[in-house]
């Protein structure tokens, strides 16, 4: 009987250690995933901001070209 209790207690301790190791591993994996997602989001936002800035510059250049294409009187009276 004592041997069976000792065996059960030992197995319970091993199971607890295994469970704790799994929890730690899962926490590490979640941290890794969160870090990667944050980095991806930062890169995506940077790319979007750069794209918007380029579009603004291109629009300004287009408007400037169109303004230069207007004749003298059109620019004078607009």
N, C-alpha and C. Protein backbone atom coordinates (compact mmCIF):
# COMPACT_ATOMS: atom_id res chain seq x y z
N UNK A 1 0.82 -1.20 0.00
CA UNK A 1 0.00 0.00 0.00
C UNK A 1 0.87 1.26 0.00
N UNK A 2 1.88 1.29 0.87
CA UNK A 2 2.76 2.45 0.92
C UNK A 2 3.52 2.62 -0.38
N UNK A 3 3.91 1.51 -0.96
CA UNK A 3 4.62 1.60 -2.24
C UNK A 3 3.72 2.19 -3.32
N UNK A 4 2.47 1.80 -3.31
CA UNK A 4 1.53 2.34 -4.29
C UNK A 4 1.32 3.83 -4.08
N UNK A 5 1.21 4.27 -2.83
CA UNK A 5 1.07 5.70 -2.54
C UNK A 5 2.31 6.47 -2.96
N UNK A 6 3.47 5.90 -2.65
CA UNK A 6 4.73 6.54 -3.05
C UNK A 6 4.78 6.66 -4.57
N UNK A 7 4.41 5.59 -5.26
CA UNK A 7 4.41 5.58 -6.73
C UNK A 7 3.44 6.63 -7.28
N UNK A 8 2.25 6.70 -6.70
CA UNK A 8 1.27 7.69 -7.14
C UNK A 8 1.74 9.12 -6.88
N UNK A 9 2.33 9.34 -5.73
CA UNK A 9 2.84 10.67 -5.38
C UNK A 9 3.96 11.06 -6.34
N UNK A 10 4.82 10.14 -6.62
CA UNK A 10 5.94 10.40 -7.53
C UNK A 10 5.42 10.74 -8.93
N UNK A 11 4.46 9.97 -9.39
CA UNK A 11 3.87 10.26 -10.71
C UNK A 11 3.16 11.61 -10.73
N UNK A 12 2.48 11.94 -9.66
CA UNK A 12 1.80 13.24 -9.57
C UNK A 12 2.82 14.37 -9.62
N UNK A 13 3.94 14.23 -8.95
CA UNK A 13 4.98 15.26 -8.97
C UNK A 13 5.57 15.39 -10.37
N UNK A 14 5.82 14.25 -11.02
CA UNK A 14 6.34 14.29 -12.38
C UNK A 14 5.34 14.96 -13.32
N UNK A 15 4.07 14.65 -13.15
CA UNK A 15 3.04 15.26 -13.98
C UNK A 15 2.98 16.77 -13.74
N UNK A 16 3.10 17.19 -12.50
CA UNK A 16 3.10 18.62 -12.17
C UNK A 16 4.30 19.32 -12.81
N UNK A 17 5.46 18.70 -12.76
CA UNK A 17 6.65 19.27 -13.39
C UNK A 17 6.45 19.39 -14.90
N UNK A 18 5.89 18.34 -15.48
CA UNK A 18 5.63 18.35 -16.93
C UNK A 18 4.64 19.46 -17.27
N UNK A 19 3.59 19.57 -16.50
CA UNK A 19 2.58 20.61 -16.75
C UNK A 19 3.20 22.00 -16.66
N UNK A 20 4.06 22.21 -15.66
CA UNK A 20 4.70 23.52 -15.50
C UNK A 20 5.61 23.81 -16.69
N UNK A 21 6.33 22.79 -17.15
CA UNK A 21 7.21 22.97 -18.31
C UNK A 21 6.38 23.31 -19.55
N UNK A 22 5.24 22.68 -19.70
CA UNK A 22 4.38 22.97 -20.85
C UNK A 22 3.82 24.39 -20.78
N UNK A 23 3.43 24.81 -19.60
CA UNK A 23 2.91 26.18 -19.44
C UNK A 23 4.00 27.18 -19.80
N UNK A 24 5.20 26.94 -19.32
CA UNK A 24 6.32 27.84 -19.62
C UNK A 24 6.58 27.88 -21.12
N UNK A 25 6.58 26.73 -21.75
CA UNK A 25 6.82 26.66 -23.19
C UNK A 25 5.72 27.39 -23.96
N UNK A 26 4.48 27.23 -23.55
CA UNK A 26 3.38 27.91 -24.22
C UNK A 26 3.46 29.43 -24.03
N UNK A 27 3.86 29.86 -22.86
CA UNK A 27 4.04 31.30 -22.62
C UNK A 27 5.14 31.86 -23.51
N UNK A 28 6.24 31.11 -23.63
CA UNK A 28 7.33 31.54 -24.50
C UNK A 28 6.88 31.63 -25.96
N UNK A 29 6.11 30.64 -26.40
CA UNK A 29 5.61 30.65 -27.77
C UNK A 29 4.68 31.83 -28.00
N UNK A 30 3.82 32.11 -27.03
CA UNK A 30 2.89 33.24 -27.18
C UNK A 30 3.65 34.56 -27.24
N UNK A 31 4.68 34.69 -26.43
CA UNK A 31 5.50 35.91 -26.47
C UNK A 31 6.17 36.06 -27.83
N UNK A 32 6.70 34.97 -28.36
CA UNK A 32 7.33 34.99 -29.67
C UNK A 32 6.33 35.42 -30.74
N UNK A 33 5.14 34.84 -30.70
CA UNK A 33 4.10 35.18 -31.68
C UNK A 33 3.72 36.65 -31.56
N UNK A 34 3.52 37.12 -30.34
CA UNK A 34 3.15 38.53 -30.14
C UNK A 34 4.23 39.46 -30.64
N UNK A 35 5.49 39.13 -30.37
CA UNK A 35 6.60 39.98 -30.83
C UNK A 35 6.64 40.03 -32.36
N UNK A 36 6.45 38.88 -33.00
CA UNK A 36 6.47 38.84 -34.46
C UNK A 36 5.30 39.63 -35.05
N UNK A 37 4.13 39.51 -34.44
CA UNK A 37 2.97 40.25 -34.94
C UNK A 37 3.16 41.75 -34.78
N UNK A 38 3.73 42.17 -33.67
CA UNK A 38 3.98 43.60 -33.47
C UNK A 38 4.98 44.13 -34.49
N UNK A 39 6.03 43.35 -34.75
CA UNK A 39 7.02 43.77 -35.75
C UNK A 39 6.38 43.85 -37.13
N UNK A 40 5.56 42.87 -37.47
CA UNK A 40 4.86 42.88 -38.76
C UNK A 40 3.95 44.09 -38.87
N UNK A 41 3.22 44.39 -37.81
CA UNK A 41 2.31 45.54 -37.82
C UNK A 41 3.08 46.85 -37.97
N UNK A 42 4.22 46.97 -37.27
CA UNK A 42 5.03 48.18 -37.40
C UNK A 42 5.52 48.35 -38.83
N UNK A 43 6.02 47.26 -39.43
CA UNK A 43 6.50 47.33 -40.81
C UNK A 43 5.38 47.66 -41.78
N UNK A 44 4.22 47.08 -41.56
CA UNK A 44 3.07 47.35 -42.42
C UNK A 44 2.65 48.82 -42.33
N UNK A 45 2.58 49.34 -41.12
CA UNK A 45 2.19 50.74 -40.94
C UNK A 45 3.23 51.67 -41.57
N UNK A 46 4.50 51.34 -41.43
CA UNK A 46 5.55 52.16 -42.04
C UNK A 46 5.40 52.16 -43.56
N UNK A 47 5.15 50.97 -44.14
CA UNK A 47 4.98 50.88 -45.59
C UNK A 47 3.75 51.68 -46.04
N UNK A 48 2.66 51.59 -45.29
CA UNK A 48 1.46 52.35 -45.65
C UNK A 48 1.71 53.86 -45.57
N UNK A 49 2.39 54.29 -44.52
CA UNK A 49 2.69 55.71 -44.38
C UNK A 49 3.59 56.20 -45.51
N UNK A 50 4.57 55.39 -45.89
CA UNK A 50 5.46 55.77 -46.99
C UNK A 50 4.68 55.84 -48.30
N UNK A 51 3.77 54.89 -48.51
CA UNK A 51 2.96 54.90 -49.72
C UNK A 51 2.09 56.15 -49.78
N UNK A 52 1.47 56.50 -48.66
CA UNK A 52 0.64 57.70 -48.63
C UNK A 52 1.47 58.96 -48.90
N UNK A 53 2.66 59.01 -48.35
CA UNK A 53 3.53 60.16 -48.57
C UNK A 53 3.93 60.26 -50.04
N UNK A 54 4.24 59.13 -50.65
CA UNK A 54 4.60 59.13 -52.07
C UNK A 54 3.41 59.59 -52.91
N UNK A 55 2.21 59.13 -52.57
CA UNK A 55 1.02 59.55 -53.31
C UNK A 55 0.80 61.05 -53.19
N UNK A 56 1.03 61.61 -52.00
CA UNK A 56 0.87 63.05 -51.81
C UNK A 56 1.87 63.81 -52.69
N UNK A 57 3.10 63.34 -52.73
CA UNK A 57 4.14 63.99 -53.53
C UNK A 57 3.78 63.91 -55.00
N UNK A 58 3.33 62.73 -55.44
CA UNK A 58 2.97 62.57 -56.85
C UNK A 58 1.79 63.46 -57.22
N UNK A 59 0.82 63.57 -56.34
CA UNK A 59 -0.34 64.43 -56.59
C UNK A 59 0.09 65.89 -56.68
N UNK A 60 0.97 66.30 -55.79
CA UNK A 60 1.45 67.68 -55.81
C UNK A 60 2.21 67.97 -57.11
N UNK A 61 3.03 67.01 -57.54
CA UNK A 61 3.76 67.19 -58.79
C UNK A 61 2.81 67.26 -59.98
N UNK A 62 1.77 66.42 -59.98
CA UNK A 62 0.79 66.43 -61.06
C UNK A 62 0.06 67.77 -61.10
N UNK A 63 -0.35 68.25 -59.95
CA UNK A 63 -1.04 69.55 -59.90
C UNK A 63 -0.12 70.67 -60.37
N UNK A 64 1.14 70.57 -60.01
CA UNK A 64 2.10 71.60 -60.44
C UNK A 64 2.27 71.57 -61.96
N UNK A 65 2.34 70.37 -62.54
CA UNK A 65 2.46 70.25 -64.00
C UNK A 65 1.22 70.82 -64.68
N UNK A 66 0.04 70.50 -64.15
CA UNK A 66 -1.19 71.01 -64.73
C UNK A 66 -1.27 72.52 -64.64
N UNK A 67 -0.76 73.07 -63.56
CA UNK A 67 -0.75 74.53 -63.39
C UNK A 67 0.16 75.16 -64.43
N UNK A 68 1.29 74.51 -64.70
CA UNK A 68 2.22 75.05 -65.70
C UNK A 68 1.66 74.94 -67.11
N UNK A 69 0.81 73.93 -67.36
CA UNK A 69 0.23 73.75 -68.68
C UNK A 69 -0.81 74.82 -68.99
N UNK A 70 -1.39 75.42 -67.98
CA UNK A 70 -2.41 76.45 -68.21
C UNK A 70 -1.75 77.64 -68.89
N UNK A 71 -2.54 78.27 -69.67
CA UNK A 71 -2.04 79.46 -70.36
C UNK A 71 -1.86 80.63 -69.38
N UNK A 72 -1.25 81.67 -69.89
CA UNK A 72 -0.96 82.85 -69.08
C UNK A 72 -2.23 83.45 -68.49
N UNK A 73 -3.24 83.64 -69.32
CA UNK A 73 -4.47 84.28 -68.84
C UNK A 73 -5.25 83.39 -67.89
N UNK A 74 -5.22 82.09 -68.12
CA UNK A 74 -5.91 81.15 -67.23
C UNK A 74 -5.28 81.21 -65.84
N UNK A 75 -3.96 81.30 -65.80
CA UNK A 75 -3.31 81.40 -64.49
C UNK A 75 -3.55 82.76 -63.87
N UNK A 76 -3.60 83.77 -64.68
CA UNK A 76 -3.79 85.13 -64.18
C UNK A 76 -5.18 85.30 -63.55
N UNK A 77 -6.20 84.71 -64.16
CA UNK A 77 -7.57 84.93 -63.68
C UNK A 77 -8.11 83.77 -62.82
N UNK A 78 -7.32 82.80 -62.48
CA UNK A 78 -7.84 81.70 -61.66
C UNK A 78 -7.62 81.92 -60.20
